[in-house]
Amino acid sequence: MAELLLIVSLLAVFVFGFYLMSRLDQFLEENRKALLKENESCEPSEVLLPHGLSESEILCEIRRFLETHGNVDIILSDGQKNDF
């Protein structure tokens, strides 16, 4: 009888632990999504590429910017101040 009580109580502890871990997993997933959304909004909305970058470095920067931002327009300028 004592063994049965021990097995049932151990099973109850495992079920409760599983429940707690699933709730913790849901909480952490919601936190992760909120942090990703916050990081996306903190990304700069423009990228200034310094003089002397190779074509591959420029393409790498453009691809990275495209991954973090959805709809992108590219404006090329010669460095003089212009209002767009």
N, C-alpha and C. Protein backbone atom coordinates (compact mmCIF):
# COMPACT_ATOMS: atom_id res chain seq x y z
N MET A 1 0.82 -1.20 0.00
CA MET A 1 0.00 0.00 0.00
C MET A 1 0.87 1.26 0.00
N ALA A 2 1.92 1.24 0.78
CA ALA A 2 2.82 2.40 0.85
C ALA A 2 3.51 2.61 -0.50
N GLU A 3 3.83 1.50 -1.17
CA GLU A 3 4.47 1.62 -2.48
C GLU A 3 3.52 2.25 -3.50
N LEU A 4 2.26 1.87 -3.45
CA LEU A 4 1.27 2.44 -4.36
C LEU A 4 1.11 3.94 -4.10
N LEU A 5 1.06 4.33 -2.84
CA LEU A 5 0.96 5.74 -2.48
C LEU A 5 2.19 6.51 -2.97
N LEU A 6 3.36 5.91 -2.84
CA LEU A 6 4.59 6.53 -3.31
C LEU A 6 4.58 6.70 -4.83
N ILE A 7 4.12 5.69 -5.55
CA ILE A 7 4.05 5.75 -7.01
C ILE A 7 3.06 6.83 -7.46
N VAL A 8 1.89 6.88 -6.83
CA VAL A 8 0.87 7.87 -7.19
C VAL A 8 1.36 9.28 -6.88
N SER A 9 1.99 9.48 -5.74
CA SER A 9 2.48 10.82 -5.40
C SER A 9 3.63 11.23 -6.32
N LEU A 10 4.48 10.30 -6.69
CA LEU A 10 5.57 10.60 -7.62
C LEU A 10 5.01 10.94 -9.00
N LEU A 11 3.99 10.22 -9.42
CA LEU A 11 3.33 10.51 -10.70
C LEU A 11 2.69 11.90 -10.66
N ALA A 12 2.08 12.25 -9.54
CA ALA A 12 1.46 13.58 -9.41
C ALA A 12 2.52 14.68 -9.48
N VAL A 13 3.67 14.45 -8.86
CA VAL A 13 4.76 15.43 -8.92
C VAL A 13 5.24 15.59 -10.36
N PHE A 14 5.38 14.49 -11.10
CA PHE A 14 5.81 14.57 -12.49
C PHE A 14 4.79 15.31 -13.36
N VAL A 15 3.52 15.05 -13.16
CA VAL A 15 2.48 15.73 -13.94
C VAL A 15 2.48 17.22 -13.62
N PHE A 16 2.60 17.57 -12.36
CA PHE A 16 2.64 18.97 -11.97
C PHE A 16 3.89 19.65 -12.54
N GLY A 17 5.02 18.98 -12.51
CA GLY A 17 6.26 19.51 -13.09
C GLY A 17 6.12 19.72 -14.58
N PHE A 18 5.49 18.78 -15.27
CA PHE A 18 5.26 18.92 -16.71
C PHE A 18 4.37 20.12 -17.00
N TYR A 19 3.34 20.31 -16.19
CA TYR A 19 2.44 21.45 -16.35
C TYR A 19 3.20 22.76 -16.15
N LEU A 20 4.01 22.83 -15.10
CA LEU A 20 4.78 24.04 -14.84
C LEU A 20 5.75 24.34 -15.98
N MET A 21 6.41 23.32 -16.48
CA MET A 21 7.38 23.53 -17.56
C MET A 21 6.69 23.97 -18.86
N SER A 22 5.50 23.45 -19.13
CA SER A 22 4.78 23.88 -20.33
C SER A 22 4.34 25.33 -20.21
N ARG A 23 3.92 25.74 -19.02
CA ARG A 23 3.55 27.15 -18.80
C ARG A 23 4.78 28.05 -18.93
N LEU A 24 5.90 27.61 -18.39
CA LEU A 24 7.14 28.38 -18.50
C LEU A 24 7.57 28.49 -19.95
N ASP A 25 7.41 27.42 -20.71
CA ASP A 25 7.75 27.43 -22.13
C ASP A 25 6.89 28.44 -22.89
N GLN A 26 5.61 28.48 -22.60
CA GLN A 26 4.72 29.45 -23.24
C GLN A 26 5.12 30.88 -22.90
N PHE A 27 5.43 31.11 -21.64
CA PHE A 27 5.85 32.44 -21.20
C PHE A 27 7.14 32.88 -21.89
N LEU A 28 8.12 31.99 -21.95
CA LEU A 28 9.39 32.32 -22.59
C LEU A 28 9.22 32.56 -24.09
N GLU A 29 8.35 31.80 -24.73
CA GLU A 29 8.11 31.99 -26.16
C GLU A 29 7.46 33.35 -26.43
N GLU A 30 6.51 33.75 -25.60
CA GLU A 30 5.89 35.06 -25.74
C GLU A 30 6.91 36.17 -25.52
N ASN A 31 7.78 35.98 -24.53
CA ASN A 31 8.84 36.95 -24.26
C ASN A 31 9.79 37.06 -25.45
N ARG A 32 10.15 35.93 -26.04
CA ARG A 32 11.07 35.91 -27.18
C ARG A 32 10.47 36.68 -28.35
N LYS A 33 9.18 36.44 -28.61
CA LYS A 33 8.51 37.14 -29.71
C LYS A 33 8.46 38.64 -29.44
N ALA A 34 8.18 39.03 -28.20
CA ALA A 34 8.13 40.45 -27.86
C ALA A 34 9.50 41.10 -28.01
N LEU A 35 10.55 40.40 -27.61
CA LEU A 35 11.90 40.94 -27.76
C LEU A 35 12.29 41.07 -29.22
N LEU A 36 11.93 40.10 -30.04
CA LEU A 36 12.24 40.18 -31.46
C LEU A 36 11.52 41.37 -32.11
N LYS A 37 10.26 41.56 -31.72
CA LYS A 37 9.50 42.68 -32.27
C LYS A 37 10.12 44.01 -31.82
N GLU A 38 10.56 44.08 -30.58
CA GLU A 38 11.19 45.30 -30.07
C GLU A 38 12.52 45.55 -30.78
N ASN A 39 13.29 44.51 -31.02
CA ASN A 39 14.57 44.67 -31.71
C ASN A 39 14.38 45.13 -33.14
N GLU A 40 13.33 44.64 -33.80
CA GLU A 40 13.06 45.08 -35.17
C GLU A 40 12.74 46.56 -35.21
N SER A 41 12.01 47.04 -34.21
CA SER A 41 11.66 48.45 -34.20
C SER A 41 12.86 49.33 -33.84
N CYS A 42 13.88 48.76 -33.21
CA CYS A 42 15.07 49.53 -32.84
C CYS A 42 16.11 49.56 -33.95
N GLU A 43 15.94 48.76 -34.98
CA GLU A 43 16.89 48.74 -36.09
C GLU A 43 16.85 50.09 -36.80
N PRO A 44 17.99 50.55 -37.28
CA PRO A 44 17.99 51.82 -38.00
C PRO A 44 17.19 51.72 -39.29
N SER A 45 16.56 52.83 -39.66
CA SER A 45 15.74 52.81 -40.86
C SER A 45 16.54 53.19 -42.10
N GLU A 46 17.81 53.54 -41.90
CA GLU A 46 18.67 53.82 -43.05
C GLU A 46 20.07 53.32 -42.76
N VAL A 47 20.81 53.04 -43.80
CA VAL A 47 22.18 52.56 -43.67
C VAL A 47 23.07 53.45 -44.51
N LEU A 48 24.12 53.96 -43.90
CA LEU A 48 25.10 54.76 -44.61
C LEU A 48 26.33 53.89 -44.81
N LEU A 49 26.71 53.68 -46.05
CA LEU A 49 27.86 52.84 -46.36
C LEU A 49 29.07 53.73 -46.61
N PRO A 50 30.16 53.51 -45.89
CA PRO A 50 31.34 54.36 -46.07
C PRO A 50 32.02 54.13 -47.41
N HIS A 51 32.78 55.11 -47.83
CA HIS A 51 33.52 55.04 -49.09
C HIS A 51 34.57 53.93 -48.99
N GLY A 52 34.75 53.20 -50.05
CA GLY A 52 35.80 52.20 -50.10
C GLY A 52 35.34 50.78 -49.84
N LEU A 53 34.06 50.54 -49.68
CA LEU A 53 33.58 49.18 -49.49
C LEU A 53 33.57 48.45 -50.82
N SER A 54 33.89 47.17 -50.76
CA SER A 54 33.84 46.37 -51.99
C SER A 54 32.39 46.05 -52.33
N GLU A 55 32.17 45.57 -53.54
CA GLU A 55 30.82 45.22 -53.97
C GLU A 55 30.22 44.13 -53.10
N SER A 56 31.02 43.16 -52.71
CA SER A 56 30.50 42.07 -51.87
C SER A 56 30.11 42.57 -50.49
N GLU A 57 30.86 43.51 -49.93
CA GLU A 57 30.51 44.08 -48.63
C GLU A 57 29.23 44.90 -48.72
N ILE A 58 29.07 45.63 -49.81
CA ILE A 58 27.84 46.41 -50.00
C ILE A 58 26.64 45.48 -50.13
N LEU A 59 26.78 44.41 -50.93
CA LEU A 59 25.69 43.44 -51.08
C LEU A 59 25.36 42.76 -49.76
N CYS A 60 26.38 42.46 -48.97
CA CYS A 60 26.16 41.83 -47.66
C CYS A 60 25.35 42.76 -46.76
N GLU A 61 25.70 44.05 -46.73
CA GLU A 61 24.95 45.01 -45.92
C GLU A 61 23.52 45.17 -46.41
N ILE A 62 23.32 45.19 -47.71
CA ILE A 62 21.97 45.31 -48.27
C ILE A 62 21.14 44.09 -47.91
N ARG A 63 21.71 42.91 -48.02
CA ARG A 63 20.97 41.68 -47.67
C ARG A 63 20.61 41.64 -46.19
N ARG A 64 21.54 42.06 -45.33
CA ARG A 64 21.26 42.09 -43.89
C ARG A 64 20.13 43.07 -43.59
N PHE A 65 20.14 44.21 -44.26
CA PHE A 65 19.09 45.21 -44.06
C PHE A 65 17.75 44.69 -44.56
N LEU A 66 17.75 43.98 -45.69
CA LEU A 66 16.51 43.41 -46.22
C LEU A 66 15.92 42.36 -45.28
N GLU A 67 16.79 41.61 -44.58
CA GLU A 67 16.30 40.59 -43.65
C GLU A 67 15.59 41.20 -42.45
N THR A 68 16.06 42.35 -41.99
CA THR A 68 15.47 42.97 -40.80
C THR A 68 14.33 43.92 -41.13
N HIS A 69 14.22 44.34 -42.37
CA HIS A 69 13.17 45.26 -42.79
C HIS A 69 12.44 44.65 -43.98
N GLY A 70 11.15 44.78 -44.00
CA GLY A 70 10.36 44.15 -45.05
C GLY A 70 10.44 44.85 -46.39
N ASN A 71 9.84 46.00 -46.48
CA ASN A 71 9.74 46.74 -47.74
C ASN A 71 10.86 47.77 -47.78
N VAL A 72 11.76 47.68 -48.76
CA VAL A 72 12.95 48.53 -48.80
C VAL A 72 13.03 49.27 -50.13
N ASP A 73 13.29 50.56 -50.05
CA ASP A 73 13.62 51.37 -51.23
C ASP A 73 15.08 51.78 -51.11
N ILE A 74 15.82 51.71 -52.20
CA ILE A 74 17.23 52.06 -52.19
C ILE A 74 17.40 53.39 -52.92
N ILE A 75 18.06 54.33 -52.23
CA ILE A 75 18.34 55.64 -52.80
C ILE A 75 19.86 55.81 -52.80
N LEU A 76 20.43 56.07 -53.95
CA LEU A 76 21.86 56.30 -54.07
C LEU A 76 22.12 57.80 -54.10
N SER A 77 23.13 58.23 -53.37
CA SER A 77 23.46 59.65 -53.31
C SER A 77 24.97 59.81 -53.38
N ASP A 78 25.42 60.98 -53.84
CA ASP A 78 26.85 61.23 -53.94
C ASP A 78 27.44 61.84 -52.68
N GLY A 79 26.67 61.95 -51.63
CA GLY A 79 27.18 62.43 -50.36
C GLY A 79 26.80 63.86 -50.04
N GLN A 80 26.24 64.59 -50.99
CA GLN A 80 25.80 65.95 -50.72
C GLN A 80 24.46 65.91 -50.00
N LYS A 81 24.21 66.92 -49.19
CA LYS A 81 22.95 66.98 -48.44
C LYS A 81 21.80 67.27 -49.38
N ASN A 82 20.84 66.37 -49.43
CA ASN A 82 19.62 66.55 -50.22
C ASN A 82 18.43 66.17 -49.35
N ASP A 83 17.33 66.86 -49.49
CA ASP A 83 16.10 66.48 -48.79
C ASP A 83 15.28 65.62 -49.73
N PHE A 84 14.95 64.43 -49.28
CA PHE A 84 14.18 63.50 -50.11
C PHE A 84 12.73 63.60 -49.75
